[in-house]
N, C-alpha and C. Protein backbone atom coordinates (compact mmCIF):
# COMPACT_ATOMS: atom_id res chain seq x y z
N MET A 1 3.31 -110.74 233.48
CA MET A 1 3.93 -111.97 233.06
C MET A 1 4.79 -111.77 231.81
N ALA A 2 4.45 -110.78 230.98
CA ALA A 2 5.20 -110.56 229.75
C ALA A 2 6.68 -110.31 230.02
N GLU A 3 6.98 -109.56 231.08
CA GLU A 3 8.38 -109.28 231.40
C GLU A 3 9.12 -110.56 231.77
N GLY A 4 8.43 -111.43 232.52
CA GLY A 4 9.03 -112.71 232.90
C GLY A 4 9.27 -113.61 231.70
N VAL A 5 8.32 -113.62 230.76
CA VAL A 5 8.47 -114.41 229.54
C VAL A 5 9.65 -113.88 228.73
N LYS A 6 9.74 -112.57 228.60
CA LYS A 6 10.86 -111.97 227.85
C LYS A 6 12.19 -112.35 228.48
N ALA A 7 12.29 -112.26 229.79
CA ALA A 7 13.54 -112.61 230.48
C ALA A 7 13.87 -114.08 230.31
N SER A 8 12.87 -114.93 230.45
CA SER A 8 13.08 -116.37 230.34
C SER A 8 13.49 -116.77 228.92
N LEU A 9 12.82 -116.20 227.92
CA LEU A 9 13.15 -116.53 226.53
C LEU A 9 14.48 -115.91 226.10
N THR A 10 14.82 -114.75 226.64
CA THR A 10 16.12 -114.15 226.35
C THR A 10 17.24 -115.04 226.89
N ALA A 11 17.06 -115.55 228.10
CA ALA A 11 18.05 -116.47 228.68
C ALA A 11 18.15 -117.74 227.84
N LEU A 12 17.02 -118.25 227.39
CA LEU A 12 17.02 -119.44 226.55
C LEU A 12 17.72 -119.17 225.23
N GLY A 13 17.42 -118.04 224.60
CA GLY A 13 18.05 -117.68 223.33
C GLY A 13 19.55 -117.52 223.44
N ALA A 14 20.04 -117.18 224.62
CA ALA A 14 21.48 -117.05 224.84
C ALA A 14 22.17 -118.41 224.83
N THR A 15 21.41 -119.48 225.05
CA THR A 15 22.00 -120.82 225.08
C THR A 15 21.78 -121.59 223.79
N THR A 16 20.77 -121.23 223.01
CA THR A 16 20.48 -121.92 221.75
C THR A 16 19.78 -120.97 220.79
N LYS A 17 20.20 -121.00 219.54
CA LYS A 17 19.57 -120.11 218.54
C LYS A 17 18.16 -120.55 218.20
N LEU A 18 17.90 -121.86 218.27
CA LEU A 18 16.57 -122.37 217.93
C LEU A 18 16.18 -123.45 218.94
N PRO A 19 15.49 -123.07 220.01
CA PRO A 19 15.09 -124.04 221.03
C PRO A 19 14.06 -125.03 220.50
N ASN A 20 13.94 -126.15 221.18
CA ASN A 20 12.92 -127.13 220.82
C ASN A 20 11.65 -126.88 221.63
N ARG A 21 10.64 -127.69 221.38
CA ARG A 21 9.34 -127.50 222.04
C ARG A 21 9.47 -127.62 223.56
N GLY A 22 10.22 -128.59 224.03
CA GLY A 22 10.38 -128.79 225.47
C GLY A 22 11.05 -127.60 226.14
N GLN A 23 12.05 -127.04 225.48
CA GLN A 23 12.74 -125.88 226.04
C GLN A 23 11.82 -124.66 226.07
N MET A 24 11.01 -124.49 225.04
CA MET A 24 10.06 -123.37 225.03
C MET A 24 9.02 -123.54 226.13
N MET A 25 8.52 -124.75 226.30
CA MET A 25 7.54 -125.03 227.36
C MET A 25 8.16 -124.70 228.72
N ALA A 26 9.37 -125.19 228.95
CA ALA A 26 10.03 -124.96 230.23
C ALA A 26 10.23 -123.47 230.49
N ALA A 27 10.60 -122.72 229.47
CA ALA A 27 10.82 -121.27 229.63
C ALA A 27 9.52 -120.57 230.00
N MET A 28 8.43 -120.96 229.37
CA MET A 28 7.13 -120.35 229.69
C MET A 28 6.70 -120.68 231.11
N VAL A 29 6.87 -121.93 231.51
CA VAL A 29 6.50 -122.35 232.87
C VAL A 29 7.39 -121.63 233.89
N ASP A 30 8.68 -121.51 233.59
CA ASP A 30 9.59 -120.78 234.48
C ASP A 30 9.16 -119.33 234.65
N ALA A 31 8.52 -118.77 233.62
CA ALA A 31 8.06 -117.38 233.67
C ALA A 31 6.73 -117.23 234.39
N GLY A 32 6.12 -118.35 234.79
CA GLY A 32 4.88 -118.28 235.55
C GLY A 32 3.64 -118.78 234.86
N ALA A 33 3.77 -119.27 233.63
CA ALA A 33 2.60 -119.79 232.91
C ALA A 33 2.23 -121.18 233.43
N SER A 34 0.96 -121.50 233.35
CA SER A 34 0.48 -122.82 233.74
C SER A 34 0.78 -123.82 232.63
N ARG A 35 1.49 -124.89 232.95
CA ARG A 35 1.90 -125.89 231.96
C ARG A 35 0.72 -126.35 231.10
N GLY A 36 -0.42 -126.56 231.69
CA GLY A 36 -1.58 -127.05 230.96
C GLY A 36 -2.19 -126.04 230.00
N LYS A 37 -1.80 -124.78 230.11
CA LYS A 37 -2.35 -123.73 229.25
C LYS A 37 -1.38 -123.26 228.18
N VAL A 38 -0.11 -123.64 228.30
CA VAL A 38 0.90 -123.18 227.34
C VAL A 38 0.72 -123.89 226.00
N GLU A 39 0.78 -123.12 224.93
CA GLU A 39 0.77 -123.65 223.57
C GLU A 39 2.14 -123.38 222.96
N VAL A 40 2.70 -124.38 222.28
CA VAL A 40 4.02 -124.25 221.67
C VAL A 40 3.93 -124.65 220.20
N SER A 41 4.56 -123.86 219.35
CA SER A 41 4.54 -124.16 217.92
C SER A 41 5.36 -125.42 217.63
N ILE A 42 5.18 -125.95 216.43
CA ILE A 42 5.94 -127.13 216.01
C ILE A 42 7.40 -126.74 215.80
N ASP A 43 8.31 -127.70 215.98
CA ASP A 43 9.73 -127.42 215.75
C ASP A 43 10.26 -128.05 214.47
N ARG A 44 9.40 -128.76 213.77
CA ARG A 44 9.72 -129.35 212.47
C ARG A 44 8.54 -129.15 211.53
N THR A 45 8.82 -128.86 210.28
CA THR A 45 7.76 -128.74 209.29
C THR A 45 7.24 -130.14 208.95
N PRO A 46 6.09 -130.23 208.29
CA PRO A 46 5.59 -131.55 207.89
C PRO A 46 6.55 -132.32 206.99
N THR A 47 7.47 -131.62 206.32
CA THR A 47 8.45 -132.31 205.47
C THR A 47 9.75 -132.62 206.21
N GLY A 48 9.80 -132.33 207.52
CA GLY A 48 10.96 -132.68 208.33
C GLY A 48 12.02 -131.61 208.46
N LEU A 49 11.78 -130.44 207.91
CA LEU A 49 12.77 -129.36 208.01
C LEU A 49 12.62 -128.62 209.34
N ALA A 50 13.72 -128.05 209.80
CA ALA A 50 13.67 -127.23 211.01
C ALA A 50 12.92 -125.93 210.70
N VAL A 51 12.18 -125.43 211.66
CA VAL A 51 11.46 -124.16 211.48
C VAL A 51 12.43 -122.99 211.66
N ASP A 52 12.02 -121.81 211.21
CA ASP A 52 12.86 -120.62 211.33
C ASP A 52 12.82 -120.00 212.72
N ALA A 53 11.71 -120.21 213.42
CA ALA A 53 11.52 -119.61 214.75
C ALA A 53 10.59 -120.50 215.56
N MET A 54 10.72 -120.42 216.87
CA MET A 54 9.83 -121.14 217.77
C MET A 54 8.98 -120.11 218.51
N GLU A 55 7.70 -120.45 218.69
CA GLU A 55 6.79 -119.58 219.42
C GLU A 55 6.08 -120.36 220.51
N ALA A 56 5.76 -119.66 221.57
CA ALA A 56 4.97 -120.23 222.66
C ALA A 56 4.04 -119.14 223.15
N ALA A 57 2.89 -119.56 223.66
CA ALA A 57 1.90 -118.59 224.13
C ALA A 57 1.16 -119.14 225.33
N ALA A 58 0.68 -118.22 226.16
CA ALA A 58 -0.11 -118.59 227.32
C ALA A 58 -1.17 -117.52 227.56
N PRO A 59 -2.41 -117.95 227.84
CA PRO A 59 -3.45 -116.98 228.13
C PRO A 59 -3.29 -116.39 229.53
N VAL A 60 -3.53 -115.10 229.63
CA VAL A 60 -3.54 -114.40 230.91
C VAL A 60 -4.76 -113.48 230.85
N ALA A 61 -5.76 -113.82 231.67
CA ALA A 61 -7.05 -113.10 231.62
C ALA A 61 -7.62 -113.23 230.22
N LYS A 62 -7.87 -112.13 229.53
CA LYS A 62 -8.44 -112.18 228.18
C LYS A 62 -7.41 -111.86 227.11
N GLU A 63 -6.14 -112.04 227.46
CA GLU A 63 -5.06 -111.77 226.52
C GLU A 63 -4.12 -112.96 226.45
N CYS A 64 -3.29 -112.96 225.42
CA CYS A 64 -2.27 -113.99 225.26
C CYS A 64 -0.90 -113.35 225.29
N VAL A 65 -0.02 -113.91 226.09
CA VAL A 65 1.38 -113.51 226.07
C VAL A 65 2.06 -114.47 225.09
N ILE A 66 2.57 -113.91 224.00
CA ILE A 66 3.16 -114.72 222.94
C ILE A 66 4.64 -114.38 222.84
N GLY A 67 5.47 -115.41 222.94
CA GLY A 67 6.91 -115.22 222.86
C GLY A 67 7.49 -115.98 221.69
N GLN A 68 8.55 -115.44 221.11
CA GLN A 68 9.21 -116.06 219.98
C GLN A 68 10.71 -116.01 220.18
N VAL A 69 11.40 -117.08 219.76
CA VAL A 69 12.86 -117.08 219.71
C VAL A 69 13.24 -117.37 218.26
N ARG A 70 13.99 -116.45 217.67
CA ARG A 70 14.47 -116.57 216.29
C ARG A 70 15.94 -116.16 216.28
N ASP A 71 16.79 -117.05 215.81
CA ASP A 71 18.23 -116.78 215.76
C ASP A 71 18.78 -116.35 217.12
N GLY A 72 18.25 -116.91 218.20
CA GLY A 72 18.73 -116.61 219.54
C GLY A 72 18.17 -115.34 220.15
N ARG A 73 17.33 -114.62 219.41
CA ARG A 73 16.75 -113.37 219.92
C ARG A 73 15.29 -113.59 220.29
N ALA A 74 14.92 -113.09 221.44
CA ALA A 74 13.55 -113.25 221.94
C ALA A 74 12.73 -111.99 221.70
N SER A 75 11.47 -112.20 221.42
CA SER A 75 10.52 -111.09 221.35
C SER A 75 9.22 -111.56 221.99
N VAL A 76 8.48 -110.61 222.54
CA VAL A 76 7.22 -110.92 223.23
C VAL A 76 6.19 -109.88 222.82
N THR A 77 4.97 -110.34 222.63
CA THR A 77 3.86 -109.44 222.33
C THR A 77 2.62 -109.90 223.08
N ILE A 78 1.69 -109.00 223.24
CA ILE A 78 0.41 -109.31 223.88
C ILE A 78 -0.68 -109.14 222.82
N LEU A 79 -1.50 -110.17 222.66
CA LEU A 79 -2.60 -110.13 221.69
C LEU A 79 -3.88 -110.60 222.37
N PRO A 80 -5.03 -110.25 221.82
CA PRO A 80 -6.29 -110.73 222.40
C PRO A 80 -6.41 -112.25 222.30
N ILE A 81 -7.05 -112.84 223.27
CA ILE A 81 -7.30 -114.27 223.23
C ILE A 81 -8.33 -114.55 222.13
N LEU A 82 -8.23 -115.70 221.48
CA LEU A 82 -9.16 -116.06 220.41
C LEU A 82 -10.51 -116.48 221.00
N ALA A 83 -11.53 -116.50 220.18
CA ALA A 83 -12.87 -116.91 220.62
C ALA A 83 -12.87 -118.34 221.16
N SER A 84 -11.93 -119.15 220.70
CA SER A 84 -11.81 -120.54 221.16
C SER A 84 -11.25 -120.63 222.58
N GLY A 85 -10.73 -119.50 223.10
CA GLY A 85 -10.09 -119.50 224.40
C GLY A 85 -8.61 -119.83 224.32
N ARG A 86 -8.12 -120.02 223.12
CA ARG A 86 -6.70 -120.34 222.90
C ARG A 86 -5.97 -119.12 222.34
N CYS A 87 -4.66 -119.29 222.23
CA CYS A 87 -3.83 -118.23 221.67
C CYS A 87 -3.45 -118.50 220.22
N PHE A 88 -3.26 -119.76 219.86
CA PHE A 88 -2.90 -120.15 218.50
C PHE A 88 -4.11 -120.73 217.80
N ILE A 89 -4.17 -120.57 216.49
CA ILE A 89 -5.18 -121.26 215.69
C ILE A 89 -4.68 -122.69 215.55
N GLY A 90 -5.52 -123.66 215.87
CA GLY A 90 -5.09 -125.05 215.89
C GLY A 90 -4.55 -125.39 217.26
N ASP A 91 -4.48 -126.66 217.58
CA ASP A 91 -4.03 -127.10 218.90
C ASP A 91 -2.55 -127.45 218.85
N GLN A 92 -1.73 -126.62 219.45
CA GLN A 92 -0.28 -126.84 219.48
C GLN A 92 0.21 -127.14 220.89
N ARG A 93 -0.60 -127.80 221.70
CA ARG A 93 -0.16 -128.10 223.07
C ARG A 93 0.65 -129.34 223.12
């Protein structure tokens, strides 16, 4: 799934330097993630400023596929799933 996430986020980054939460969710689902399991970071800080990068993650078996778009460039990494069964600390669904 990591390759699909990378391709999907790369295509998204080609259209926008900083996607919003909905666009990140759609890219993850397009790559094969289950909508109900995808976690997406916030797109605005608590003070209302735009974030520097957007991240989304989805669990696959006992690992998390985590993707980021920053300045239109996508990156993907695989990390262990947390003890909570989630990929991010805190609930960002």
